[in-house]
Amino acid sequence: MTAIELVEKSQMMDRPRMKSGDTVRVHVKVREGDKERIQIFEGIIIGLHRGGARASFTVRKVSFGQGVERIFPLHSPTIARVDVVRSARVRRAKLYFLRNLKGKAARMKETKKA
């Protein structure tokens, strides 16, 4: 194990198993002045970028008719927790095609929970 891997291992956090197409609820710590609160961002994961401590995931939601995407570092201390709300069956790793779809066309086929 190299020195970089040793340092990264200490910064890794335990996150649930996620994949593209999952609808997740990300609890983000937001600082406002000297106060801190938790803000929830719920949407579909359209891409995962693996890479140990540098891993990140992109979440997309539609808010008031406008598409909003946010990239979260997977092991960031600003993320309080990640809940997987539902899982969908997808056939590709990056779901960037969802950017061009709206309404019912942007729905994903949900998988059954066992």
PDB file of N, CA and C in Angstrom:
ATOM      1  N   MET A   1       0.848  -1.180   0.000  1.00  0.00           N
ATOM      2  CA  MET A   1       0.000   0.000   0.000  1.00  0.00           C
ATOM      3  C   MET A   1       0.898   1.249   0.000  1.00  0.00           C
ATOM      4  N   THR A   2       0.643   2.142  -0.924  1.00  0.00           N
ATOM      5  CA  THR A   2       1.446   3.356  -1.013  1.00  0.00           C
ATOM      6  C   THR A   2       1.034   4.356   0.065  1.00  0.00           C
ATOM      7  N   ALA A   3       1.835   5.393   0.207  1.00  0.00           N
ATOM      8  CA  ALA A   3       1.562   6.414   1.225  1.00  0.00           C
ATOM      9  C   ALA A   3       0.251   7.153   0.912  1.00  0.00           C
ATOM     10  N   ILE A   4      -0.010   7.392  -0.364  1.00  0.00           N
ATOM     11  CA  ILE A   4      -1.247   8.096  -0.751  1.00  0.00           C
ATOM     12  C   ILE A   4      -2.469   7.261  -0.396  1.00  0.00           C
ATOM     13  N   GLU A   5      -2.424   5.966  -0.689  1.00  0.00           N
ATOM     14  CA  GLU A   5      -3.546   5.082  -0.360  1.00  0.00           C
ATOM     15  C   GLU A   5      -3.759   5.007   1.147  1.00  0.00           C
ATOM     16  N   LEU A   6      -2.687   5.059   1.912  1.00  0.00           N
ATOM     17  CA  LEU A   6      -2.777   5.001   3.368  1.00  0.00           C
ATOM     18  C   LEU A   6      -3.480   6.241   3.924  1.00  0.00           C
ATOM     19  N   VAL A   7      -3.159   7.424   3.382  1.00  0.00           N
ATOM     20  CA  VAL A   7      -3.797   8.671   3.814  1.00  0.00           C
ATOM     21  C   VAL A   7      -5.260   8.688   3.382  1.00  0.00           C
ATOM     22  N   GLU A   8      -5.545   8.246   2.144  1.00  0.00           N
ATOM     23  CA  GLU A   8      -6.915   8.239   1.636  1.00  0.00           C
ATOM     24  C   GLU A   8      -7.802   7.300   2.429  1.00  0.00           C
ATOM     25  N   LYS A   9      -7.263   6.173   2.866  1.00  0.00           N
ATOM     26  CA  LYS A   9      -8.058   5.179   3.591  1.00  0.00           C
ATOM     27  C   LYS A   9      -8.628   5.759   4.888  1.00  0.00           C
ATOM     28  N   SER A  10      -7.881   6.653   5.541  1.00  0.00           N
ATOM     29  CA  SER A  10      -8.362   7.243   6.788  1.00  0.00           C
ATOM     30  C   SER A  10      -9.494   8.245   6.539  1.00  0.00           C
ATOM     31  N   GLN A  11      -9.590   8.795   5.327  1.00  0.00           N
ATOM     32  CA  GLN A  11     -10.608   9.788   5.014  1.00  0.00           C
ATOM     33  C   GLN A  11     -11.880   9.182   4.436  1.00  0.00           C
ATOM     34  N   MET A  12     -11.884   7.890   4.148  1.00  0.00           N
ATOM     35  CA  MET A  12     -13.048   7.225   3.558  1.00  0.00           C
ATOM     36  C   MET A  12     -14.175   7.118   4.585  1.00  0.00           C
ATOM     37  N   MET A  13     -15.407   7.269   4.100  1.00  0.00           N
ATOM     38  CA  MET A  13     -16.585   7.146   4.953  1.00  0.00           C
ATOM     39  C   MET A  13     -17.445   5.991   4.460  1.00  0.00           C
ATOM     40  N   ASP A  14     -18.290   5.508   5.339  1.00  0.00           N
ATOM     41  CA  ASP A  14     -19.179   4.403   5.000  1.00  0.00           C
ATOM     42  C   ASP A  14     -20.426   4.965   4.328  1.00  0.00           C
ATOM     43  N   ARG A  15     -20.649   4.638   3.082  1.00  0.00           N
ATOM     44  CA  ARG A  15     -21.826   5.099   2.340  1.00  0.00           C
ATOM     45  C   ARG A  15     -22.584   3.881   1.824  1.00  0.00           C
ATOM     46  N   PRO A  16     -23.895   4.016   1.604  1.00  0.00           N
ATOM     47  CA  PRO A  16     -24.659   2.879   1.072  1.00  0.00           C
ATOM     48  C   PRO A  16     -24.256   2.554  -0.363  1.00  0.00           C
ATOM     49  N   ARG A  17     -24.534   1.364  -0.789  1.00  0.00           N
ATOM     50  CA  ARG A  17     -24.227   0.937  -2.158  1.00  0.00           C
ATOM     51  C   ARG A  17     -25.161   1.675  -3.111  1.00  0.00           C
ATOM     52  N   MET A  18     -24.580   2.453  -4.031  1.00  0.00           N
ATOM     53  CA  MET A  18     -25.372   3.244  -4.967  1.00  0.00           C
ATOM     54  C   MET A  18     -24.937   2.929  -6.388  1.00  0.00           C
ATOM     55  N   LYS A  19     -25.861   3.160  -7.338  1.00  0.00           N
ATOM     56  CA  LYS A  19     -25.541   2.983  -8.750  1.00  0.00           C
ATOM     57  C   LYS A  19     -26.334   3.995  -9.559  1.00  0.00           C
ATOM     58  N   SER A  20     -26.015   4.121 -10.819  1.00  0.00           N
ATOM     59  CA  SER A  20     -26.749   5.039 -11.690  1.00  0.00           C
ATOM     60  C   SER A  20     -28.205   4.608 -11.775  1.00  0.00           C
ATOM     61  N   GLY A  21     -29.112   5.561 -11.746  1.00  0.00           N
ATOM     62  CA  GLY A  21     -30.533   5.269 -11.808  1.00  0.00           C
ATOM     63  C   GLY A  21     -31.199   5.233 -10.451  1.00  0.00           C
ATOM     64  N   ASP A  22     -30.424   5.193  -9.376  1.00  0.00           N
ATOM     65  CA  ASP A  22     -31.010   5.210  -8.033  1.00  0.00           C
ATOM     66  C   ASP A  22     -31.508   6.610  -7.701  1.00  0.00           C
ATOM     67  N   THR A  23     -32.646   6.674  -7.045  1.00  0.00           N
ATOM     68  CA  THR A  23     -33.124   7.942  -6.505  1.00  0.00           C
ATOM     69  C   THR A  23     -32.621   8.024  -5.076  1.00  0.00           C
ATOM     70  N   VAL A  24     -31.864   9.075  -4.792  1.00  0.00           N
ATOM     71  CA  VAL A  24     -31.241   9.206  -3.474  1.00  0.00           C
ATOM     72  C   VAL A  24     -31.684  10.496  -2.803  1.00  0.00           C
ATOM     73  N   ARG A  25     -31.625  10.479  -1.483  1.00  0.00           N
ATOM     74  CA  ARG A  25     -31.888  11.654  -0.668  1.00  0.00           C
ATOM     75  C   ARG A  25     -30.583  11.959   0.058  1.00  0.00           C
ATOM     76  N   VAL A  26     -29.921  13.054  -0.342  1.00  0.00           N
ATOM     77  CA  VAL A  26     -28.630  13.432   0.220  1.00  0.00           C
ATOM     78  C   VAL A  26     -28.858  14.498   1.291  1.00  0.00           C
ATOM     79  N   HIS A  27     -28.413  14.230   2.505  1.00  0.00           N
ATOM     80  CA  HIS A  27     -28.529  15.166   3.618  1.00  0.00           C
ATOM     81  C   HIS A  27     -27.221  15.948   3.696  1.00  0.00           C
ATOM     82  N   VAL A  28     -27.262  17.233   3.310  1.00  0.00           N
ATOM     83  CA  VAL A  28     -26.070  18.063   3.227  1.00  0.00           C
ATOM     84  C   VAL A  28     -26.050  19.056   4.381  1.00  0.00           C
ATOM     85  N   LYS A  29     -24.892  19.179   5.025  1.00  0.00           N
ATOM     86  CA  LYS A  29     -24.731  20.168   6.095  1.00  0.00           C
ATOM     87  C   LYS A  29     -24.467  21.517   5.451  1.00  0.00           C
ATOM     88  N   VAL A  30     -25.306  22.516   5.785  1.00  0.00           N
ATOM     89  CA  VAL A  30     -25.171  23.865   5.231  1.00  0.00           C
ATOM     90  C   VAL A  30     -24.849  24.820   6.377  1.00  0.00           C
ATOM     91  N   ARG A  31     -23.784  25.613   6.200  1.00  0.00           N
ATOM     92  CA  ARG A  31     -23.413  26.598   7.210  1.00  0.00           C
ATOM     93  C   ARG A  31     -23.960  27.959   6.814  1.00  0.00           C
ATOM     94  N   GLU A  32     -24.667  28.589   7.737  1.00  0.00           N
ATOM     95  CA  GLU A  32     -25.186  29.935   7.538  1.00  0.00           C
ATOM     96  C   GLU A  32     -24.726  30.766   8.724  1.00  0.00           C
ATOM     97  N   GLY A  33     -23.679  31.532   8.521  1.00  0.00           N
ATOM     98  CA  GLY A  33     -23.104  32.296   9.619  1.00  0.00           C
ATOM     99  C   GLY A  33     -22.432  31.356  10.600  1.00  0.00           C
ATOM    100  N   ASP A  34     -22.872  31.393  11.858  1.00  0.00           N
ATOM    101  CA  ASP A  34     -22.306  30.490  12.866  1.00  0.00           C
ATOM    102  C   ASP A  34     -23.206  29.288  13.119  1.00  0.00           C
ATOM    103  N   LYS A  35     -24.341  29.214  12.387  1.00  0.00           N
ATOM    104  CA  LYS A  35     -25.264  28.085  12.555  1.00  0.00           C
ATOM    105  C   LYS A  35     -25.048  27.052  11.455  1.00  0.00           C
ATOM    106  N   GLU A  36     -25.427  25.823  11.756  1.00  0.00           N
ATOM    107  CA  GLU A  36     -25.342  24.737  10.775  1.00  0.00           C
ATOM    108  C   GLU A  36     -26.664  23.999  10.757  1.00  0.00           C
ATOM    109  N   ARG A  37     -27.168  23.739   9.547  1.00  0.00           N
ATOM    110  CA  ARG A  37     -28.415  22.987   9.423  1.00  0.00           C
ATOM    111  C   ARG A  37     -28.244  21.945   8.328  1.00  0.00           C
ATOM    112  N   ILE A  38     -29.229  21.054   8.234  1.00  0.00           N
ATOM    113  CA  ILE A  38     -29.183  19.992   7.223  1.00  0.00           C
ATOM    114  C   ILE A  38     -30.204  20.303   6.145  1.00  0.00           C
ATOM    115  N   GLN A  39     -29.751  20.265   4.903  1.00  0.00           N
ATOM    116  CA  GLN A  39     -30.620  20.502   3.752  1.00  0.00           C
ATOM    117  C   GLN A  39     -30.666  19.209   2.934  1.00  0.00           C
ATOM    118  N   ILE A  40     -31.857  18.828   2.500  1.00  0.00           N
ATOM    119  CA  ILE A  40     -32.015  17.569   1.757  1.00  0.00           C
ATOM    120  C   ILE A  40     -32.099  17.869   0.263  1.00  0.00           C
ATOM    121  N   PHE A  41     -31.316  17.115  -0.514  1.00  0.00           N
ATOM    122  CA  PHE A  41     -31.330  17.222  -1.975  1.00  0.00           C
ATOM    123  C   PHE A  41     -31.705  15.846  -2.500  1.00  0.00           C
ATOM    124  N   GLU A  42     -32.877  15.726  -3.115  1.00  0.00           N
ATOM    125  CA  GLU A  42     -33.353  14.422  -3.591  1.00  0.00           C
ATOM    126  C   GLU A  42     -33.428  14.417  -5.109  1.00  0.00           C
ATOM    127  N   GLY A  43     -32.841  13.396  -5.725  1.00  0.00           N
ATOM    128  CA  GLY A  43     -32.868  13.276  -7.174  1.00  0.00           C
ATOM    129  C   GLY A  43     -32.291  11.949  -7.643  1.00  0.00           C
ATOM    130  N   ILE A  44     -32.138  11.826  -8.949  1.00  0.00           N
ATOM    131  CA  ILE A  44     -31.634  10.597  -9.569  1.00  0.00           C
ATOM    132  C   ILE A  44     -30.135  10.712  -9.788  1.00  0.00           C
ATOM    133  N   ILE A  45     -29.415   9.654  -9.477  1.00  0.00           N
ATOM    134  CA  ILE A  45     -27.977   9.625  -9.753  1.00  0.00           C
ATOM    135  C   ILE A  45     -27.798   9.421 -11.252  1.00  0.00           C
ATOM    136  N   ILE A  46     -27.159  10.388 -11.919  1.00  0.00           N
ATOM    137  CA  ILE A  46     -26.953  10.255 -13.365  1.00  0.00           C
ATOM    138  C   ILE A  46     -25.515   9.860 -13.692  1.00  0.00           C
ATOM    139  N   GLY A  47     -24.641   9.834 -12.695  1.00  0.00           N
ATOM    140  CA  GLY A  47     -23.276   9.418 -12.952  1.00  0.00           C
ATOM    141  C   GLY A  47     -22.488   9.246 -11.677  1.00  0.00           C
ATOM    142  N   LEU A  48     -21.657   8.217 -11.647  1.00  0.00           N
ATOM    143  CA  LEU A  48     -20.739   7.970 -10.537  1.00  0.00           C
ATOM    144  C   LEU A  48     -19.326   8.080 -11.083  1.00  0.00           C
ATOM    145  N   HIS A  49     -18.467   8.740 -10.345  1.00  0.00           N
ATOM    146  CA  HIS A  49     -17.067   8.862 -10.727  1.00  0.00           C
ATOM    147  C   HIS A  49     -16.253   8.214  -9.623  1.00  0.00           C
ATOM    148  N   ARG A  50     -15.774   7.013  -9.868  1.00  0.00           N
ATOM    149  CA  ARG A  50     -15.047   6.255  -8.853  1.00  0.00           C
ATOM    150  C   ARG A  50     -13.645   6.827  -8.699  1.00  0.00           C
ATOM    151  N   GLY A  51     -12.961   6.439  -7.644  1.00  0.00           N
ATOM    152  CA  GLY A  51     -11.594   6.892  -7.471  1.00  0.00           C
ATOM    153  C   GLY A  51     -11.189   7.010  -6.019  1.00  0.00           C
ATOM    154  N   GLY A  52     -11.553   6.030  -5.210  1.00  0.00           N
ATOM    155  CA  GLY A  52     -11.119   6.042  -3.818  1.00  0.00           C
ATOM    156  C   GLY A  52     -11.686   7.223  -3.055  1.00  0.00           C
ATOM    157  N   ALA A  53     -10.813   8.007  -2.441  1.00  0.00           N
ATOM    158  CA  ALA A  53     -11.245   9.161  -1.655  1.00  0.00           C
ATOM    159  C   ALA A  53     -11.715  10.303  -2.547  1.00  0.00           C
ATOM    160  N   ARG A  54     -11.348  10.271  -3.827  1.00  0.00           N
ATOM    161  CA  ARG A  54     -11.740  11.329  -4.759  1.00  0.00           C
ATOM    162  C   ARG A  54     -13.046  11.016  -5.480  1.00  0.00           C
ATOM    163  N   ALA A  55     -13.730   9.951  -5.118  1.00  0.00           N
ATOM    164  CA  ALA A  55     -14.964   9.543  -5.790  1.00  0.00           C
ATOM    165  C   ALA A  55     -16.060  10.593  -5.604  1.00  0.00           C
ATOM    166  N   SER A  56     -16.916  10.731  -6.624  1.00  0.00           N
ATOM    167  CA  SER A  56     -18.026  11.677  -6.545  1.00  0.00           C
ATOM    168  C   SER A  56     -19.222  11.102  -7.297  1.00  0.00           C
ATOM    169  N   PHE A  57     -20.380  11.697  -7.064  1.00  0.00           N
ATOM    170  CA  PHE A  57     -21.578  11.279  -7.780  1.00  0.00           C
ATOM    171  C   PHE A  57     -22.408  12.513  -8.118  1.00  0.00           C
ATOM    172  N   THR A  58     -23.093  12.456  -9.272  1.00  0.00           N
ATOM    173  CA  THR A  58     -23.899  13.567  -9.756  1.00  0.00           C
ATOM    174  C   THR A  58     -25.372  13.229  -9.573  1.00  0.00           C
ATOM    175  N   VAL A  59     -26.106  14.134  -8.941  1.00  0.00           N
ATOM    176  CA  VAL A  59     -27.532  13.941  -8.677  1.00  0.00           C
ATOM    177  C   VAL A  59     -28.304  15.015  -9.432  1.00  0.00           C
ATOM    178  N   ARG A  60     -29.367  14.594 -10.115  1.00  0.00           N
ATOM    179  CA  ARG A  60     -30.194  15.520 -10.899  1.00  0.00           C
ATOM    180  C   ARG A  60     -31.627  15.491 -10.389  1.00  0.00           C
ATOM    181  N   LYS A  61     -32.220  16.671 -10.257  1.00  0.00           N
ATOM    182  CA  LYS A  61     -33.633  16.775  -9.909  1.00  0.00           C
ATOM    183  C   LYS A  61     -34.238  17.912 -10.725  1.00  0.00           C
ATOM    184  N   VAL A  62     -35.563  17.917 -10.819  1.00  0.00           N
ATOM    185  CA  VAL A  62     -36.263  18.995 -11.500  1.00  0.00           C
ATOM    186  C   VAL A  62     -36.979  19.797 -10.423  1.00  0.00           C
ATOM    187  N   SER A  63     -36.625  21.079 -10.316  1.00  0.00           N
ATOM    188  CA  SER A  63     -37.186  21.948  -9.302  1.00  0.00           C
ATOM    189  C   SER A  63     -37.884  23.127  -9.976  1.00  0.00           C
ATOM    190  N   PHE A  64     -39.203  23.214  -9.803  1.00  0.00           N
ATOM    191  CA  PHE A  64     -40.021  24.266 -10.410  1.00  0.00           C
ATOM    192  C   PHE A  64     -39.835  24.312 -11.927  1.00  0.00           C
ATOM    193  N   GLY A  65     -39.775  23.132 -12.562  1.00  0.00           N
ATOM    194  CA  GLY A  65     -39.653  23.043 -14.008  1.00  0.00           C
ATOM    195  C   GLY A  65     -38.249  23.248 -14.530  1.00  0.00           C
ATOM    196  N   GLN A  66     -37.296  23.490 -13.655  1.00  0.00           N
ATOM    197  CA  GLN A  66     -35.907  23.724 -14.053  1.00  0.00           C
ATOM    198  C   GLN A  66     -35.051  22.561 -13.569  1.00  0.00           C
ATOM    199  N   GLY A  67     -34.227  21.990 -14.452  1.00  0.00           N
ATOM    200  CA  GLY A  67     -33.340  20.904 -14.065  1.00  0.00           C
ATOM    201  C   GLY A  67     -32.171  21.420 -13.243  1.00  0.00           C
ATOM    202  N   VAL A  68     -31.895  20.737 -12.133  1.00  0.00           N
ATOM    203  CA  VAL A  68     -30.790  21.120 -11.248  1.00  0.00           C
ATOM    204  C   VAL A  68     -29.906  19.905 -11.048  1.00  0.00           C
ATOM    205  N   GLU A  69     -28.611  20.069 -11.298  1.00  0.00           N
ATOM    206  CA  GLU A  69     -27.654  18.993 -11.067  1.00  0.00           C
ATOM    207  C   GLU A  69     -26.647  19.443 -10.036  1.00  0.00           C
ATOM    208  N   ARG A  70     -26.263  18.518  -9.192  1.00  0.00           N
ATOM    209  CA  ARG A  70     -25.283  18.832  -8.163  1.00  0.00           C
ATOM    210  C   ARG A  70     -24.301  17.679  -8.051  1.00  0.00           C
ATOM    211  N   ILE A  71     -23.023  17.995  -7.975  1.00  0.00           N
ATOM    212  CA  ILE A  71     -21.973  16.990  -7.850  1.00  0.00           C
ATOM    213  C   ILE A  71     -21.532  16.958  -6.393  1.00  0.00           C
ATOM    214  N   PHE A  72     -21.609  15.773  -5.796  1.00  0.00           N
ATOM    215  CA  PHE A  72     -21.222  15.597  -4.400  1.00  0.00           C
ATOM    216  C   PHE A  72     -19.971  14.729  -4.316  1.00  0.00           C
ATOM    217  N   PRO A  73     -18.953  15.166  -3.561  1.00  0.00           N
ATOM    218  CA  PRO A  73     -17.836  14.255  -3.257  1.00  0.00           C
ATOM    219  C   PRO A  73     -18.368  13.152  -2.337  1.00  0.00           C
ATOM    220  N   LEU A  74     -18.101  11.916  -2.668  1.00  0.00           N
ATOM    221  CA  LEU A  74     -18.690  10.785  -1.948  1.00  0.00           C
ATOM    222  C   LEU A  74     -18.283  10.740  -0.478  1.00  0.00           C
ATOM    223  N   HIS A  75     -17.034  11.044  -0.178  1.00  0.00           N
ATOM    224  CA  HIS A  75     -16.525  10.908   1.190  1.00  0.00           C
ATOM    225  C   HIS A  75     -16.393  12.256   1.900  1.00  0.00           C
ATOM    226  N   SER A  76     -17.158  13.249   1.469  1.00  0.00           N
ATOM    227  CA  SER A  76     -17.083  14.584   2.052  1.00  0.00           C
ATOM    228  C   SER A  76     -17.711  14.620   3.448  1.00  0.00           C
ATOM    229  N   PRO A  77     -17.104  15.340   4.395  1.00  0.00           N
ATOM    230  CA  PRO A  77     -17.707  15.474   5.727  1.00  0.00           C
ATOM    231  C   PRO A  77     -18.951  16.370   5.726  1.00  0.00           C
ATOM    232  N   THR A  78     -19.189  17.117   4.634  1.00  0.00           N
ATOM    233  CA  THR A  78     -20.390  17.957   4.570  1.00  0.00           C
ATOM    234  C   THR A  78     -21.651  17.146   4.280  1.00  0.00           C
ATOM    235  N   ILE A  79     -21.492  15.897   3.874  1.00  0.00           N
ATOM    236  CA  ILE A  79     -22.638  15.021   3.649  1.00  0.00           C
ATOM    237  C   ILE A  79     -22.908  14.259   4.938  1.00  0.00           C
ATOM    238  N   ALA A  80     -24.061  14.541   5.545  1.00  0.00           N
ATOM    239  CA  ALA A  80     -24.423  13.872   6.798  1.00  0.00           C
ATOM    240  C   ALA A  80     -24.755  12.404   6.526  1.00  0.00           C
ATOM    241  N   ARG A  81     -25.628  12.168   5.535  1.00  0.00           N
ATOM    242  CA  ARG A  81     -25.935  10.792   5.154  1.00  0.00           C
ATOM    243  C   ARG A  81     -26.606  10.761   3.789  1.00  0.00           C
ATOM    244  N   VAL A  82     -26.624   9.570   3.191  1.00  0.00           N
ATOM    245  CA  VAL A  82     -27.248   9.361   1.887  1.00  0.00           C
ATOM    246  C   VAL A  82     -28.235   8.212   2.038  1.00  0.00           C
ATOM    247  N   ASP A  83     -29.501   8.468   1.680  1.00  0.00           N
ATOM    248  CA  ASP A  83     -30.518   7.426   1.714  1.00  0.00           C
ATOM    249  C   ASP A  83     -30.882   7.058   0.284  1.00  0.00           C
ATOM    250  N   VAL A  84     -30.896   5.758  -0.025  1.00  0.00           N
ATOM    251  CA  VAL A  84     -31.351   5.302  -1.333  1.00  0.00           C
ATOM    252  C   VAL A  84     -32.855   5.093  -1.231  1.00  0.00           C
ATOM    253  N   VAL A  85     -33.626   5.952  -1.909  1.00  0.00           N
ATOM    254  CA  VAL A  85     -35.090   5.925  -1.833  1.00  0.00           C
ATOM    255  C   VAL A  85     -35.642   4.796  -2.694  1.00  0.00           C
ATOM    256  N   ARG A  86     -35.229   4.759  -3.970  1.00  0.00           N
ATOM    257  CA  ARG A  86     -35.656   3.685  -4.866  1.00  0.00           C
ATOM    258  C   ARG A  86     -34.555   3.408  -5.866  1.00  0.00           C
ATOM    259  N   SER A  87     -34.628   2.240  -6.446  1.00  0.00           N
ATOM    260  CA  SER A  87     -33.620   1.819  -7.403  1.00  0.00           C
ATOM    261  C   SER A  87     -34.295   1.528  -8.736  1.00  0.00           C
ATOM    262  N   ALA A  88     -33.615   1.863  -9.817  1.00  0.00           N
ATOM    263  CA  ALA A  88     -34.196   1.664 -11.143  1.00  0.00           C
ATOM    264  C   ALA A  88     -33.268   0.807 -11.994  1.00  0.00           C
ATOM    265  N   ARG A  89     -33.867   0.122 -12.952  1.00  0.00           N
ATOM    266  CA  ARG A  89     -33.103  -0.706 -13.886  1.00  0.00           C
ATOM    267  C   ARG A  89     -32.652   0.183 -15.036  1.00  0.00           C
ATOM    268  N   VAL A  90     -31.337   0.329 -15.197  1.00  0.00           N
ATOM    269  CA  VAL A  90     -30.792   1.139 -16.283  1.00  0.00           C
ATOM    270  C   VAL A  90     -29.797   0.306 -17.066  1.00  0.00           C
ATOM    271  N   ARG A  91     -29.559   0.718 -18.311  1.00  0.00           N
ATOM    272  CA  ARG A  91     -28.693  -0.073 -19.179  1.00  0.00           C
ATOM    273  C   ARG A  91     -27.372   0.615 -19.488  1.00  0.00           C
ATOM    274  N   ARG A  92     -27.132   1.753 -18.875  1.00  0.00           N
ATOM    275  CA  ARG A  92     -25.855   2.435 -19.087  1.00  0.00           C
ATOM    276  C   ARG A  92     -25.374   3.091 -17.798  1.00  0.00           C
ATOM    277  N   ALA A  93     -24.100   3.410 -17.758  1.00  0.00           N
ATOM    278  CA  ALA A  93     -23.487   3.945 -16.541  1.00  0.00           C
ATOM    279  C   ALA A  93     -23.770   5.430 -16.358  1.00  0.00           C
ATOM    280  N   LYS A  94     -23.769   6.195 -17.441  1.00  0.00           N
ATOM    281  CA  LYS A  94     -24.008   7.633 -17.360  1.00  0.00           C
ATOM    282  C   LYS A  94     -25.368   7.940 -17.983  1.00  0.00           C
ATOM    283  N   LEU A  95     -26.243   8.578 -17.238  1.00  0.00           N
ATOM    284  CA  LEU A  95     -27.611   8.840 -17.686  1.00  0.00           C
ATOM    285  C   LEU A  95     -27.775  10.287 -18.147  1.00  0.00           C
ATOM    286  N   TYR A  96     -26.820  10.788 -18.910  1.00  0.00           N
ATOM    287  CA  TYR A  96     -26.858  12.172 -19.359  1.00  0.00           C
ATOM    288  C   TYR A  96     -28.017  12.439 -20.316  1.00  0.00           C
ATOM    289  N   PHE A  97     -28.583  11.402 -20.917  1.00  0.00           N
ATOM    290  CA  PHE A  97     -29.715  11.577 -21.832  1.00  0.00           C
ATOM    291  C   PHE A  97     -30.949  12.109 -21.101  1.00  0.00           C
ATOM    292  N   LEU A  98     -30.999  11.986 -19.779  1.00  0.00           N
ATOM    293  CA  LEU A  98     -32.138  12.489 -19.010  1.00  0.00           C
ATOM    294  C   LEU A  98     -32.231  14.014 -19.072  1.00  0.00           C
ATOM    295  N   ARG A  99     -31.127  14.671 -19.414  1.00  0.00           N
ATOM    296  CA  ARG A  99     -31.127  16.132 -19.506  1.00  0.00           C
ATOM    297  C   ARG A  99     -32.061  16.622 -20.609  1.00  0.00           C
ATOM    298  N   ASN A 100     -32.255  15.802 -21.634  1.00  0.00           N
ATOM    299  CA  ASN A 100     -33.090  16.196 -22.770  1.00  0.00           C
ATOM    300  C   ASN A 100     -34.540  15.736 -22.643  1.00  0.00           C
ATOM    301  N   LEU A 101     -34.854  14.952 -21.616  1.00  0.00           N
ATOM    302  CA  LEU A 101     -36.204  14.431 -21.437  1.00  0.00           C
ATOM    303  C   LEU A 101     -36.923  15.192 -20.331  1.00  0.00           C
ATOM    304  N   LYS A 102     -38.247  15.250 -20.419  1.00  0.00           N
ATOM    305  CA  LYS A 102     -39.010  15.878 -19.345  1.00  0.00           C
ATOM    306  C   LYS A 102     -40.314  15.139 -19.119  1.00  0.00           C
ATOM    307  N   GLY A 103     -40.860  15.325 -17.946  1.00  0.00           N
ATOM    308  CA  GLY A 103     -42.147  14.718 -17.601  1.00  0.00           C
ATOM    309  C   GLY A 103     -42.080  13.209 -17.496  1.00  0.00           C
ATOM    310  N   LYS A 104     -43.107  12.555 -18.058  1.00  0.00           N
ATOM    311  CA  LYS A 104     -43.198  11.098 -17.963  1.00  0.00           C
ATOM    312  C   LYS A 104     -42.099  10.393 -18.738  1.00  0.00           C
ATOM    313  N   ALA A 105     -41.549  11.040 -19.758  1.00  0.00           N
ATOM    314  CA  ALA A 105     -40.482  10.428 -20.555  1.00  0.00           C
ATOM    315  C   ALA A 105     -39.212  10.231 -19.730  1.00  0.00           C
ATOM    316  N   ALA A 106     -39.033  11.006 -18.665  1.00  0.00           N
ATOM    317  CA  ALA A 106     -37.817  10.951 -17.862  1.00  0.00           C
ATOM    318  C   ALA A 106     -37.921   9.939 -16.723  1.00  0.00           C
ATOM    319  N   ARG A 107     -39.029   9.189 -16.673  1.00  0.00           N
ATOM    320  CA  ARG A 107     -39.178   8.186 -15.611  1.00  0.00           C
ATOM    321  C   ARG A 107     -38.284   6.984 -15.858  1.00  0.00           C
ATOM    322  N   MET A 108     -37.880   6.317 -14.791  1.00  0.00           N
ATOM    323  CA  MET A 108     -37.059   5.125 -14.913  1.00  0.00           C
ATOM    324  C   MET A 108     -37.875   3.929 -14.433  1.00  0.00           C
ATOM    325  N   LYS A 109     -37.582   2.755 -14.990  1.00  0.00           N
ATOM    326  CA  LYS A 109     -38.263   1.520 -14.614  1.00  0.00           C
ATOM    327  C   LYS A 109     -37.747   1.058 -13.251  1.00  0.00           C
ATOM    328  N   GLU A 110     -38.631   1.059 -12.237  1.00  0.00           N
ATOM    329  CA  GLU A 110     -38.226   0.722 -10.883  1.00  0.00           C
ATOM    330  C   GLU A 110     -38.013  -0.781 -10.736  1.00  0.00           C
ATOM    331  N   THR A 111     -36.999  -1.161  -9.948  1.00  0.00           N
ATOM    332  CA  THR A 111     -36.735  -2.576  -9.675  1.00  0.00           C
ATOM    333  C   THR A 111     -37.403  -2.950  -8.362  1.00  0.00           C
ATOM    334  N   LYS A 112     -37.754  -4.206  -8.248  1.00  0.00           N
ATOM    335  CA  LYS A 112     -38.416  -4.698  -7.050  1.00  0.00           C
ATOM    336  C   LYS A 112     -37.386  -4.851  -5.935  1.00  0.00           C
ATOM    337  N   LYS A 113     -37.815  -4.524  -4.710  1.00  0.00           N
ATOM    338  CA  LYS A 113     -36.926  -4.707  -3.554  1.00  0.00           C
ATOM    339  C   LYS A 113     -37.143  -6.112  -3.001  1.00  0.00           C
ATOM    340  N   ALA A 114     -36.038  -6.803  -2.781  1.00  0.00           N
ATOM    341  CA  ALA A 114     -36.130  -8.183  -2.307  1.00  0.00           C
ATOM    342  C   ALA A 114     -36.112  -8.283  -0.811  1.00  0.00           C
TER     343      ALA A 114
END
